[in-house]
Amino acid sequence: MVFELIVFGVILLAVGYWATMFVMGRRDDVLHGKFVEDQPDAEPVRFMPYVPRVRPAQAAPQQSRDSLQALLTVIKQDLHDAARS
């Protein structure tokens, strides 16, 4: 049973490879087993390197001293409550 599954899997992979090459237009490779040879007159394809677009960082709004102090107080209280639990 396992041997049959392995043989079936290999056949399935071969059919998948054949179908992929056929769909990609490499019919000569599929039908005759010929592989693509280098063509000296063809210019190589050059790809541009990927350069991500960088957006300028937006300045964070200036927070007042009171709001920062209130945030620090809330954090301290949360830590104190967590330590008691």
C-alpha atoms as a PDB file:
ATOM      1  CA  MET A   1       0.000   0.000   0.000  1.00  0.00           C
ATOM      2  CA  VAL A   2       2.775   2.456   0.908  1.00  0.00           C
ATOM      3  CA  PHE A   3       4.777   1.570  -2.207  1.00  0.00           C
ATOM      4  CA  GLU A   4       1.766   2.292  -4.402  1.00  0.00           C
ATOM      5  CA  LEU A   5       1.304   5.680  -2.733  1.00  0.00           C
ATOM      6  CA  ILE A   6       4.967   6.551  -3.333  1.00  0.00           C
ATOM      7  CA  VAL A   7       4.734   5.574  -7.012  1.00  0.00           C
ATOM      8  CA  PHE A   8       1.505   7.535  -7.365  1.00  0.00           C
ATOM      9  CA  GLY A   9       3.145  10.568  -5.726  1.00  0.00           C
ATOM     10  CA  VAL A  10       6.119  10.477  -8.093  1.00  0.00           C
ATOM     11  CA  ILE A  11       3.803  10.216 -11.095  1.00  0.00           C
ATOM     12  CA  LEU A  12       1.711  13.084  -9.750  1.00  0.00           C
ATOM     13  CA  LEU A  13       4.837  15.253  -9.340  1.00  0.00           C
ATOM     14  CA  ALA A  14       5.937  14.459 -12.907  1.00  0.00           C
ATOM     15  CA  VAL A  15       2.531  15.398 -14.312  1.00  0.00           C
ATOM     16  CA  GLY A  16       2.540  18.594 -12.266  1.00  0.00           C
ATOM     17  CA  TYR A  17       5.991  19.514 -13.554  1.00  0.00           C
ATOM     18  CA  TRP A  18       4.951  18.794 -17.130  1.00  0.00           C
ATOM     19  CA  ALA A  19       1.780  20.898 -16.768  1.00  0.00           C
ATOM     20  CA  THR A  20       3.703  23.793 -15.219  1.00  0.00           C
ATOM     21  CA  MET A  21       6.274  23.838 -18.005  1.00  0.00           C
ATOM     22  CA  PHE A  22       3.538  23.593 -20.633  1.00  0.00           C
ATOM     23  CA  VAL A  23       1.576  26.511 -19.135  1.00  0.00           C
ATOM     24  CA  MET A  24       4.754  28.618 -18.872  1.00  0.00           C
ATOM     25  CA  GLY A  25       5.297  28.241 -22.603  1.00  0.00           C
ATOM     26  CA  ARG A  26       8.321  25.936 -22.418  1.00  0.00           C
ATOM     27  CA  ARG A  27       6.708  23.468 -24.824  1.00  0.00           C
ATOM     28  CA  ASP A  28      10.026  22.481 -26.427  1.00  0.00           C
ATOM     29  CA  ASP A  29      11.314  21.406 -23.023  1.00  0.00           C
ATOM     30  CA  VAL A  30       8.140  19.459 -22.344  1.00  0.00           C
ATOM     31  CA  LEU A  31       7.785  17.735 -25.683  1.00  0.00           C
ATOM     32  CA  HIS A  32      11.387  17.074 -26.664  1.00  0.00           C
ATOM     33  CA  GLY A  33      13.308  17.301 -23.406  1.00  0.00           C
ATOM     34  CA  LYS A  34      15.532  20.066 -24.796  1.00  0.00           C
ATOM     35  CA  PHE A  35      16.764  22.597 -22.301  1.00  0.00           C
ATOM     36  CA  VAL A  36      17.141  26.290 -22.975  1.00  0.00           C
ATOM     37  CA  GLU A  37      20.608  27.205 -24.201  1.00  0.00           C
ATOM     38  CA  ASP A  38      22.333  30.525 -23.685  1.00  0.00           C
ATOM     39  CA  GLN A  39      21.879  32.936 -26.546  1.00  0.00           C
ATOM     40  CA  PRO A  40      25.009  35.091 -26.867  1.00  0.00           C
ATOM     41  CA  ASP A  41      23.217  37.853 -28.774  1.00  0.00           C
ATOM     42  CA  ALA A  42      20.608  38.352 -26.079  1.00  0.00           C
ATOM     43  CA  GLU A  43      21.308  41.115 -23.567  1.00  0.00           C
ATOM     44  CA  PRO A  44      20.932  40.015 -19.932  1.00  0.00           C
ATOM     45  CA  VAL A  45      17.961  41.367 -18.041  1.00  0.00           C
ATOM     46  CA  ARG A  46      18.955  43.843 -15.385  1.00  0.00           C
ATOM     47  CA  PHE A  47      16.708  44.444 -12.432  1.00  0.00           C
ATOM     48  CA  MET A  48      16.605  47.622 -10.449  1.00  0.00           C
ATOM     49  CA  PRO A  49      17.263  47.086  -6.749  1.00  0.00           C
ATOM     50  CA  TYR A  50      14.255  47.532  -4.506  1.00  0.00           C
ATOM     51  CA  VAL A  51      14.365  50.862  -2.747  1.00  0.00           C
ATOM     52  CA  PRO A  52      11.537  51.348  -0.268  1.00  0.00           C
ATOM     53  CA  ARG A  53       9.957  54.743  -0.184  1.00  0.00           C
ATOM     54  CA  VAL A  54      10.671  56.441   3.096  1.00  0.00           C
ATOM     55  CA  ARG A  55       8.102  58.807   4.437  1.00  0.00           C
ATOM     56  CA  PRO A  56       9.375  61.644   6.574  1.00  0.00           C
ATOM     57  CA  ALA A  57       8.677  61.056  10.226  1.00  0.00           C
ATOM     58  CA  GLN A  58       5.993  63.254  11.610  1.00  0.00           C
ATOM     59  CA  ALA A  59       6.898  65.148  14.727  1.00  0.00           C
ATOM     60  CA  ALA A  60       5.109  63.878  17.799  1.00  0.00           C
ATOM     61  CA  PRO A  61       2.892  66.466  19.415  1.00  0.00           C
ATOM     62  CA  GLN A  62       4.535  68.127  22.358  1.00  0.00           C
ATOM     63  CA  GLN A  63       3.015  66.939  25.579  1.00  0.00           C
ATOM     64  CA  SER A  64       2.889  69.163  28.528  1.00  0.00           C
ATOM     65  CA  ARG A  65       4.718  68.353  31.740  1.00  0.00           C
ATOM     66  CA  ASP A  66       1.433  67.823  33.562  1.00  0.00           C
ATOM     67  CA  SER A  67       0.201  65.119  31.171  1.00  0.00           C
ATOM     68  CA  LEU A  68       3.516  63.255  31.420  1.00  0.00           C
ATOM     69  CA  GLN A  69       3.414  63.470  35.202  1.00  0.00           C
ATOM     70  CA  ALA A  70      -0.153  62.118  35.214  1.00  0.00           C
ATOM     71  CA  LEU A  71       0.884  59.226  32.986  1.00  0.00           C
ATOM     72  CA  LEU A  72       3.803  58.405  35.279  1.00  0.00           C
ATOM     73  CA  THR A  73       1.467  58.421  38.271  1.00  0.00           C
ATOM     74  CA  VAL A  74      -0.950  56.029  36.572  1.00  0.00           C
ATOM     75  CA  ILE A  75       1.891  53.662  35.651  1.00  0.00           C
ATOM     76  CA  LYS A  76       3.232  53.687  39.197  1.00  0.00           C
ATOM     77  CA  GLN A  77      -0.245  52.947  40.555  1.00  0.00           C
ATOM     78  CA  ASP A  78      -0.702  50.031  38.106  1.00  0.00           C
ATOM     79  CA  LEU A  79       2.665  48.570  39.097  1.00  0.00           C
ATOM     80  CA  HIS A  80       1.825  48.963  42.780  1.00  0.00           C
ATOM     81  CA  ASP A  81      -1.541  47.209  42.245  1.00  0.00           C
ATOM     82  CA  ALA A  82       0.133  44.415  40.273  1.00  0.00           C
ATOM     83  CA  ALA A  83       2.735  43.898  43.013  1.00  0.00           C
ATOM     84  CA  ARG A  84      -0.027  43.491  45.635  1.00  0.00           C
ATOM     85  CA  SER A  85      -1.857  40.827  43.601  1.00  0.00           C
END
